[in-house]
Every structure is written in structure tokens, then in C-alpha cells.
Amino acid sequence: MEDFFKVITPICIGFVSAFFGSRLALIKFKKEKDWERKEKAYSEIIDSLYDLLQHCEIHKENYGQGTGYSELKENSFREKYDKAFWQIKKVTDIGAFVISESTNQVLVSLRNREKWDWNSNPSFEIYESDYKYYKSALKEIVAIAKDELQSK
């Protein structure tokens, strides 16, 4: 009987060690993947907000004399703006899946902001207003992302 325990004990210890070791490795792997998804989501949000901000910055200075950029460059800015707009809309619609609830609230507030009427306001004033909202949202989200991603 004593020989039986001498054989079984190392096997049981090995099995238990392997089980808990693999569990810890899986938990660590999952945390790293979650962090990578968060980092990617925040990166996309920040890039999109920057593209929206850049587009508004260019057009808020246009008082009817043009932006000073070529048509090709303006089309490039417009494409980035459109892509960024839909990216932010998508993230806001999906909600706090990967991002924090506070980031989602910033995006919802941005989406629900007061929008000016294009027919009764000069476009440069509309772009100026949107610029302020985008800049504020970008600042808040960068701070939130910095806190969240450093707490890994």
C-alpha cells in the first residue's frame, strides 16, 4: 500500500500542478487579448476623432475664400471624415462592448450634442462648433484610454 502512495502522490501532484498552471496561463492569455482589443478600439476611436477634428479645423477657417488645399487633398480629407464619422457612429451604436462605460458616455454625448442648422447658419460657425465638441471628446477619451490601458 505504501508503494502505491509513493507512485500515486507524484502523479496527483503533477496533475494538480498542470491543471492550475494551465488555468493561470489561460487567464493571463485572456487578459492580454482583452487588453489588445481595448488598445485597438481606443486607437481607432482616437484616430477617428482626430480625422473629424482635422476636417472641422480646415473648414472652420473657410470664410468663403476656400481652404487653400487642392481638390485632391480636400477629397482625401472628406473621405477620412466620412470614414471617421461612421466609425464613431458604429462604436456608439454597439456601446460599451470593449470600451469602458465612461468612454461610451462621452461618445453618446458627442452624438447627441446640439447640431446647428446648415440652412440658417454659416458653415464656418457649424464647423467651429463641431470642432469644439470633437476636441473636448478627444481630450476626454485620451485621458480615459490612458488610465484604462495603464491599469493592465
Protein backbone atom coordinates (compact mmCIF):
# COMPACT_ATOMS: atom_id res chain seq x y z
CA MET A 1 0.00 0.00 0.00
CA GLU A 2 2.88 2.33 0.80
CA ASP A 3 4.36 1.72 -2.64
CA PHE A 4 1.01 2.65 -4.16
CA PHE A 5 1.06 6.08 -2.45
CA LYS A 6 4.67 6.62 -3.50
CA VAL A 7 3.62 6.21 -7.13
CA ILE A 8 0.24 7.98 -6.96
CA THR A 9 1.37 11.04 -4.97
CA PRO A 10 3.78 12.44 -7.63
CA ILE A 11 1.23 11.73 -10.36
CA CYS A 12 -1.52 13.58 -8.45
CA ILE A 13 0.80 16.49 -7.64
CA GLY A 14 1.82 16.70 -11.31
CA PHE A 15 -1.80 16.62 -12.46
CA VAL A 16 -2.91 19.30 -9.99
CA SER A 17 0.10 21.49 -10.84
CA ALA A 18 -0.52 21.15 -14.56
CA PHE A 19 -4.21 21.91 -14.12
CA PHE A 20 -3.66 25.09 -12.10
CA GLY A 21 -0.72 26.15 -14.24
CA SER A 22 -2.77 25.87 -17.41
CA ARG A 23 -5.68 27.76 -15.79
CA LEU A 24 -3.36 30.61 -14.83
CA ALA A 25 -1.86 30.67 -18.32
CA LEU A 26 -5.34 30.83 -19.90
CA ILE A 27 -6.38 33.66 -17.57
CA LYS A 28 -3.24 35.61 -18.43
CA PHE A 29 -3.75 34.97 -22.15
CA LYS A 30 -7.38 36.18 -21.95
CA LYS A 31 -6.35 39.35 -20.10
CA GLU A 32 -3.69 40.10 -22.70
CA LYS A 33 -6.15 39.57 -25.57
CA ASP A 34 -8.73 41.79 -23.84
CA TRP A 35 -6.07 44.49 -23.40
CA GLU A 36 -5.10 44.22 -27.09
CA ARG A 37 -8.76 44.57 -28.15
CA LYS A 38 -9.19 47.60 -25.89
CA GLU A 39 -6.00 49.17 -27.19
CA LYS A 40 -7.13 48.65 -30.79
CA ALA A 41 -10.61 50.05 -30.09
CA TYR A 42 -9.24 53.14 -28.35
CA SER A 43 -6.69 53.65 -31.10
CA GLU A 44 -9.44 53.55 -33.75
CA ILE A 45 -11.66 55.92 -31.78
CA ILE A 46 -8.85 58.39 -31.19
CA ASP A 47 -7.76 58.25 -34.85
CA SER A 48 -11.35 58.78 -35.99
CA LEU A 49 -11.91 61.71 -33.65
CA TYR A 50 -8.67 63.25 -34.87
CA ASP A 51 -9.80 62.94 -38.50
CA LEU A 52 -13.13 64.59 -37.62
CA LEU A 53 -11.29 67.32 -35.76
CA GLN A 54 -8.87 67.90 -38.64
CA HIS A 55 -11.69 68.23 -41.16
CA CYS A 56 -13.51 70.77 -38.99
CA GLU A 57 -10.29 72.69 -38.32
CA ILE A 58 -9.70 73.13 -42.03
CA HIS A 59 -13.28 74.22 -42.77
CA LYS A 60 -13.83 76.47 -39.76
CA GLU A 61 -11.25 78.88 -41.19
CA ASN A 62 -13.00 78.97 -44.57
CA TYR A 63 -14.97 82.20 -44.74
CA GLY A 64 -15.83 81.80 -48.41
CA GLN A 65 -12.35 82.08 -49.92
CA GLY A 66 -11.64 78.33 -49.90
CA THR A 67 -9.47 76.21 -47.65
CA GLY A 68 -6.25 76.65 -49.60
CA TYR A 69 -5.94 72.91 -50.28
CA SER A 70 -6.13 71.25 -53.68
CA GLU A 71 -9.30 69.45 -54.68
CA LEU A 72 -7.46 66.13 -54.39
CA LYS A 73 -6.36 66.93 -50.83
CA GLU A 74 -9.87 68.14 -49.90
CA ASN A 75 -11.34 64.89 -51.25
CA SER A 76 -8.84 62.97 -49.11
CA PHE A 77 -9.90 64.94 -46.02
CA ARG A 78 -13.57 64.34 -46.88
CA GLU A 79 -13.03 60.58 -47.27
CA LYS A 80 -11.26 60.44 -43.91
CA TYR A 81 -14.07 62.48 -42.36
CA ASP A 82 -16.77 60.18 -43.75
CA LYS A 83 -14.94 57.04 -42.64
CA ALA A 84 -14.30 58.52 -39.17
CA PHE A 85 -17.92 59.66 -38.82
CA TRP A 86 -19.23 56.15 -39.50
CA GLN A 87 -16.59 54.57 -37.25
CA ILE A 88 -17.66 56.73 -34.30
CA LYS A 89 -21.34 56.08 -35.09
CA LYS A 90 -20.67 52.33 -35.15
CA VAL A 91 -18.81 52.36 -31.84
CA THR A 92 -21.59 54.44 -30.27
CA ASP A 93 -24.30 52.10 -31.60
CA ILE A 94 -22.53 48.98 -30.41
CA GLY A 95 -21.96 50.52 -26.98
CA ALA A 96 -19.57 49.58 -24.25
CA PHE A 97 -18.55 46.16 -25.59
CA VAL A 98 -14.80 46.64 -25.46
CA ILE A 99 -14.55 50.24 -24.32
CA SER A 100 -15.46 51.50 -20.87
CA GLU A 101 -18.88 52.84 -19.99
CA SER A 102 -17.38 56.31 -19.42
CA THR A 103 -15.93 56.33 -22.96
CA ASN A 104 -19.27 55.22 -24.32
CA GLN A 105 -20.96 58.08 -22.45
CA VAL A 106 -18.54 60.60 -23.98
CA LEU A 107 -19.36 59.26 -27.44
CA VAL A 108 -23.11 59.29 -26.76
CA SER A 109 -22.86 62.89 -25.53
CA LEU A 110 -20.92 63.78 -28.67
CA ARG A 111 -23.55 62.17 -30.85
CA ASN A 112 -26.44 63.83 -29.01
CA ARG A 113 -24.87 67.30 -29.00
CA GLU A 114 -26.74 70.32 -30.27
CA LYS A 115 -26.45 70.38 -34.04
CA TRP A 116 -26.73 73.61 -35.94
CA ASP A 117 -28.96 74.04 -38.96
CA TRP A 118 -26.95 74.24 -42.19
CA ASN A 119 -29.62 76.39 -43.83
CA SER A 120 -29.66 79.16 -41.23
CA ASN A 121 -26.03 79.23 -40.02
CA PRO A 122 -22.76 79.92 -41.82
CA SER A 123 -20.80 76.72 -42.42
CA PHE A 124 -17.68 78.07 -40.68
CA GLU A 125 -19.70 78.51 -37.46
CA ILE A 126 -21.02 74.96 -37.70
CA TYR A 127 -17.50 73.63 -38.22
CA GLU A 128 -16.27 75.76 -35.29
CA SER A 129 -18.95 74.29 -33.03
CA ASP A 130 -18.25 70.73 -34.16
CA TYR A 131 -14.51 71.35 -33.74
CA LYS A 132 -15.03 72.27 -30.08
CA TYR A 133 -17.12 69.16 -29.44
CA TYR A 134 -14.65 66.84 -31.18
CA LYS A 135 -11.69 68.40 -29.39
CA SER A 136 -13.37 68.02 -25.99
CA ALA A 137 -14.35 64.39 -26.69
CA LEU A 138 -10.85 63.58 -27.93
CA LYS A 139 -9.29 65.04 -24.79
CA GLU A 140 -11.64 63.10 -22.50
CA ILE A 141 -11.21 59.80 -24.34
CA VAL A 142 -7.42 60.08 -24.46
CA ALA A 143 -7.42 60.55 -20.66
CA ILE A 144 -9.78 57.59 -20.13
CA ALA A 145 -7.79 55.35 -22.50
CA LYS A 146 -4.54 56.29 -20.80
CA ASP A 147 -5.94 55.32 -17.39
CA GLU A 148 -7.56 52.11 -18.63
CA LEU A 149 -4.64 50.85 -20.66
CA GLN A 150 -2.07 51.62 -17.95
CA SER A 151 -4.03 49.67 -15.36
CA LYS A 152 -3.23 46.38 -17.14
